[in-house]
Protein backbone atom coordinates (compact mmCIF):
# COMPACT_ATOMS: atom_id res chain seq x y z
CA UNK A 1 -18.42 15.10 -2.52
CA UNK A 2 -17.16 15.50 -6.08
CA UNK A 3 -15.05 12.45 -7.03
CA UNK A 4 -11.31 13.02 -6.90
CA UNK A 5 -10.59 10.60 -9.72
CA UNK A 6 -12.39 10.54 -13.07
CA UNK A 7 -12.40 8.35 -16.18
CA UNK A 8 -9.69 10.68 -17.49
CA UNK A 9 -7.37 9.35 -14.76
CA UNK A 10 -7.51 5.82 -16.12
CA UNK A 11 -7.61 7.01 -19.74
CA UNK A 12 -4.29 8.77 -19.29
CA UNK A 13 -2.67 5.74 -17.65
CA UNK A 14 -3.99 3.47 -20.43
CA UNK A 15 -2.53 5.72 -23.10
CA UNK A 16 0.75 6.03 -21.21
CA UNK A 17 1.09 2.24 -21.23
CA UNK A 18 0.83 2.34 -25.03
CA UNK A 19 3.12 5.37 -25.41
CA UNK A 20 5.73 4.94 -22.71
CA UNK A 21 8.31 7.36 -24.06
CA UNK A 22 9.54 10.82 -23.14
CA UNK A 23 8.26 12.56 -26.26
CA UNK A 24 4.66 11.45 -25.69
CA UNK A 25 4.81 12.24 -21.98
CA UNK A 26 6.18 15.73 -22.55
CA UNK A 27 3.38 16.42 -25.01
CA UNK A 28 0.79 15.15 -22.50
CA UNK A 29 2.35 16.38 -19.25
CA UNK A 30 -0.53 18.77 -18.60
CA UNK A 31 -2.94 15.81 -18.77
CA UNK A 32 -0.87 13.92 -16.22
CA UNK A 33 -0.88 16.93 -13.90
CA UNK A 34 -4.60 17.64 -14.28
CA UNK A 35 -6.00 14.10 -14.47
CA UNK A 36 -3.66 12.09 -12.23
CA UNK A 37 -1.25 14.07 -10.06
CA UNK A 38 -3.48 16.90 -8.83
CA UNK A 39 -6.49 14.64 -8.06
CA UNK A 40 -4.18 12.27 -6.16
CA UNK A 41 -2.68 15.09 -4.09
CA UNK A 42 -6.17 16.42 -3.33
CA UNK A 43 -7.25 12.92 -2.28
CA UNK A 44 -4.29 12.65 0.08
CA UNK A 45 -5.03 16.04 1.63
CA UNK A 46 -8.74 15.29 2.05
CA UNK A 47 -7.98 11.87 3.52
CA UNK A 48 -5.80 13.25 6.34
CA UNK A 49 -8.62 13.75 8.89
CA UNK A 50 -9.98 10.26 8.16
CA UNK A 51 -6.53 8.76 8.73
CA UNK A 52 -6.06 10.69 11.97
CA UNK A 53 -9.23 9.09 13.35
CA UNK A 54 -7.76 5.64 12.65
CA UNK A 55 -4.28 6.36 14.01
CA UNK A 56 -2.32 9.56 14.57
CA UNK A 57 0.94 7.76 13.77
CA UNK A 58 0.41 7.65 10.00
CA UNK A 59 0.91 10.55 7.62
CA UNK A 60 -1.23 11.72 4.70
CA UNK A 61 1.44 13.98 3.23
CA UNK A 62 0.15 15.95 0.21
CA UNK A 63 3.49 17.39 -0.87
CA UNK A 64 4.16 16.93 -4.58
CA UNK A 65 7.75 15.87 -3.87
CA UNK A 66 8.62 13.65 -0.92
CA UNK A 67 5.02 13.13 0.14
CA UNK A 68 2.62 10.21 -0.06
CA UNK A 69 2.33 10.21 -3.87
CA UNK A 70 4.90 8.08 -5.65
CA UNK A 71 6.70 9.68 -8.57
CA UNK A 72 5.57 8.66 -12.06
CA UNK A 73 9.19 8.36 -13.19
CA UNK A 74 10.85 4.95 -13.09
CA UNK A 75 14.43 4.47 -11.93
CA UNK A 76 15.91 2.69 -14.95
CA UNK A 77 19.54 2.74 -13.80
CA UNK A 78 19.58 -0.87 -12.61
CA UNK A 79 16.68 -2.26 -14.64
CA UNK A 80 16.54 -4.28 -17.84
CA UNK A 81 13.33 -2.41 -18.68
CA UNK A 82 14.09 1.06 -20.01
CA UNK A 83 10.53 2.37 -20.14
CA UNK A 84 10.81 5.72 -18.33
CA UNK A 85 7.37 5.92 -16.70
CA UNK A 86 5.25 3.86 -14.35
CA UNK A 87 1.87 2.95 -15.81
CA UNK A 88 0.13 3.26 -12.45
CA UNK A 89 -0.09 5.81 -9.69
CA UNK A 90 0.55 4.84 -6.10
CA UNK A 91 -0.27 6.55 -2.82
CA UNK A 92 1.55 5.39 0.31
CA UNK A 93 0.39 6.68 3.69
CA UNK A 94 3.47 5.95 5.74
CA UNK A 95 3.97 5.43 9.45
CA UNK A 96 5.82 8.27 11.16
CA UNK A 97 8.72 5.86 11.85
CA UNK A 98 9.10 4.91 8.18
CA UNK A 99 12.08 7.21 7.64
CA UNK A 100 14.14 5.30 10.19
CA UNK A 101 12.77 1.75 9.98
CA UNK A 102 10.47 -0.56 8.10
CA UNK A 103 6.96 0.13 9.33
CA UNK A 104 3.38 -0.57 8.25
CA UNK A 105 1.61 1.67 5.77
CA UNK A 106 -1.68 2.12 3.94
CA UNK A 107 -1.44 2.01 0.15
CA UNK A 108 -3.67 2.77 -2.84
CA UNK A 109 -2.77 1.47 -6.32
CA UNK A 110 -4.51 2.87 -9.39
CA UNK A 111 -3.84 1.10 -12.69
CA UNK A 112 -6.25 0.21 -15.49
CA UNK A 113 -7.41 -3.33 -14.75
CA UNK A 114 -5.52 -3.50 -11.45
CA UNK A 115 -6.87 -1.37 -8.64
CA UNK A 116 -6.37 -2.29 -5.00
CA UNK A 117 -5.89 -1.04 -1.47
CA UNK A 118 -2.96 -2.45 0.45
CA UNK A 119 -1.90 -2.53 4.10
CA UNK A 120 1.04 -3.87 6.04
CA UNK A 121 4.77 -4.14 5.35
CA UNK A 122 6.15 -5.11 1.96
CA UNK A 123 9.56 -6.83 1.97
CA UNK A 124 10.77 -5.75 5.44
CA UNK A 125 14.48 -5.78 6.13
CA UNK A 126 16.15 -8.59 8.08
CA UNK A 127 15.82 -7.25 11.65
CA UNK A 128 12.19 -6.18 11.11
CA UNK A 129 11.28 -9.48 9.48
CA UNK A 130 12.90 -11.35 12.34
CA UNK A 131 10.91 -9.31 14.88
CA UNK A 132 7.63 -10.13 13.11
CA UNK A 133 8.42 -13.85 12.98
CA UNK A 134 9.44 -13.89 16.63
CA UNK A 135 6.22 -12.13 17.60
CA UNK A 136 4.21 -14.80 15.77
CA UNK A 137 6.17 -17.55 17.50
CA UNK A 138 5.98 -16.01 20.98
CA UNK A 139 2.26 -15.21 20.93
CA UNK A 140 0.57 -17.13 18.11
CA UNK A 141 -2.91 -16.39 19.44
CA UNK A 142 -2.36 -12.63 19.12
CA UNK A 143 -1.21 -13.09 15.52
CA UNK A 144 -4.19 -15.29 14.70
CA UNK A 145 -6.60 -12.76 16.21
CA UNK A 146 -5.10 -9.91 14.20
CA UNK A 147 -4.65 -11.68 10.88
CA UNK A 148 -7.95 -13.52 11.23
CA UNK A 149 -10.03 -10.58 12.41
CA UNK A 150 -13.47 -10.92 10.83
CA UNK A 151 -13.64 -7.42 9.35
CA UNK A 152 -10.04 -7.54 8.15
CA UNK A 153 -10.44 -10.86 6.36
CA UNK A 154 -13.79 -9.80 4.89
CA UNK A 155 -12.00 -6.96 3.09
CA UNK A 156 -8.39 -8.09 2.68
CA UNK A 157 -6.50 -11.14 1.49
CA UNK A 158 -3.07 -11.88 2.92
CA UNK A 159 -0.68 -12.00 0.00
CA UNK A 160 2.97 -11.55 -0.97
CA UNK A 161 5.99 -13.81 -1.46
CA UNK A 162 7.12 -16.60 0.84
CA UNK A 163 10.24 -18.65 1.41
CA UNK A 164 10.32 -22.16 -0.02
CA UNK A 165 11.77 -23.54 3.20
CA UNK A 166 11.37 -22.74 6.88
CA UNK A 167 13.22 -19.58 7.94
CA UNK A 168 16.38 -20.02 9.97
CA UNK A 169 15.64 -20.81 13.60
CA UNK A 170 12.13 -22.21 13.02
CA UNK A 171 11.06 -25.80 12.62
CA UNK A 172 9.38 -26.95 9.44
CA UNK A 173 6.81 -28.56 11.76
CA UNK A 174 5.85 -25.28 13.41
CA UNK A 175 2.01 -25.02 13.41
CA UNK A 176 2.25 -21.56 11.84
CA UNK A 177 5.04 -22.34 9.40
CA UNK A 178 3.05 -20.95 6.44
CA UNK A 179 2.92 -17.56 8.13
CA UNK A 180 6.53 -17.73 9.33
CA UNK A 181 7.66 -18.36 5.77
CA UNK A 182 6.18 -15.06 4.58
CA UNK A 183 8.59 -12.45 3.22
CA UNK A 184 5.80 -9.88 2.97
CA UNK A 185 3.17 -9.14 5.59
CA UNK A 186 0.59 -7.38 3.49
CA UNK A 187 -3.13 -7.49 2.86
CA UNK A 188 -4.72 -6.52 -0.45
CA UNK A 189 -8.32 -5.51 -1.17
CA UNK A 190 -9.24 -5.63 -4.86
CA UNK A 191 -11.31 -2.71 -6.12
CA UNK A 192 -13.24 -1.84 -9.25
CA UNK A 193 -12.48 1.31 -11.20
CA UNK A 194 -16.12 2.30 -10.72
CA UNK A 195 -15.57 2.32 -6.95
CA UNK A 196 -12.61 4.68 -7.29
CA UNK A 197 -14.64 6.98 -9.54
CA UNK A 198 -17.61 7.15 -7.17
CA UNK A 199 -18.42 10.23 -5.10
CA UNK A 200 -18.00 8.31 -1.83
CA UNK A 201 -14.64 6.66 -2.54
CA UNK A 202 -12.91 8.67 0.19
CA UNK A 203 -15.30 7.16 2.75
CA UNK A 204 -14.92 3.72 1.15
CA UNK A 205 -11.13 3.84 1.44
CA UNK A 206 -11.40 5.07 5.02
CA UNK A 207 -13.64 2.10 5.85
CA UNK A 208 -11.06 -0.28 4.37
CA UNK A 209 -8.32 1.30 6.45
CA UNK A 210 -10.45 0.92 9.58
CA UNK A 211 -11.02 -2.74 8.74
CA UNK A 212 -7.24 -3.20 8.63
CA UNK A 213 -6.63 -1.57 12.02
CA UNK A 214 -6.25 -4.83 14.03
CA UNK A 215 -3.67 -6.13 11.54
CA UNK A 216 -1.78 -2.84 11.45
CA UNK A 217 -1.88 -2.49 15.22
CA UNK A 218 -0.38 -5.96 15.63
CA UNK A 219 2.40 -5.21 13.14
CA UNK A 220 3.26 -2.02 14.97
CA UNK A 221 3.50 -3.92 18.23
CA UNK A 222 5.59 -6.67 16.68
CA UNK A 223 8.26 -4.28 15.45
CA UNK A 224 8.11 -1.88 18.40
CA UNK A 225 6.63 1.27 16.88
CA UNK A 226 3.62 3.09 18.33
CA UNK A 227 0.12 2.59 16.98
């Protein structure tokens, strides 16, 4: 298969980081469309059958607006940083329940010098976070099997922010207090740009998503959405 992403993808993002202004972007909009946006949308569309074989509850939505591809435009209304454009492109394959609740997703982040695949739930809201913590507390062995699955841990590292103290309702002496303190339940797999540019990256990303299935399945069960 012809690679979806090319060196031009990362070249554009590198130059955008150095020229993060509307004038430069307008002059180079066709490069963004041809080297970043269109390859990403084609990747999403081509990945759909792979995702369906992992779980039918997640969506590879190739729409240019409202689909799996994040917009390149930053929301600067409430930010101290006024740079108008993101210097990465992100693809989020959301769970079908994501419109109504926090739910797990599969994520791909492309940025020069920082490329990774991500899985799980980033910064879930209070009720969802509480459900995850209660599921860990009620059946710690199930959590340990999912988060410690050999294939999952061979590919992904659990990461994200954590509370400084024990969350409300849990003892600081709880044997799984480090996990209960998590504010994010996500795994990240670092990738090289050369991997993304290879002809078999679609299959590589699919393999990573399969490796994350036990973790994703557990998260779905913890928050009460179907896997």
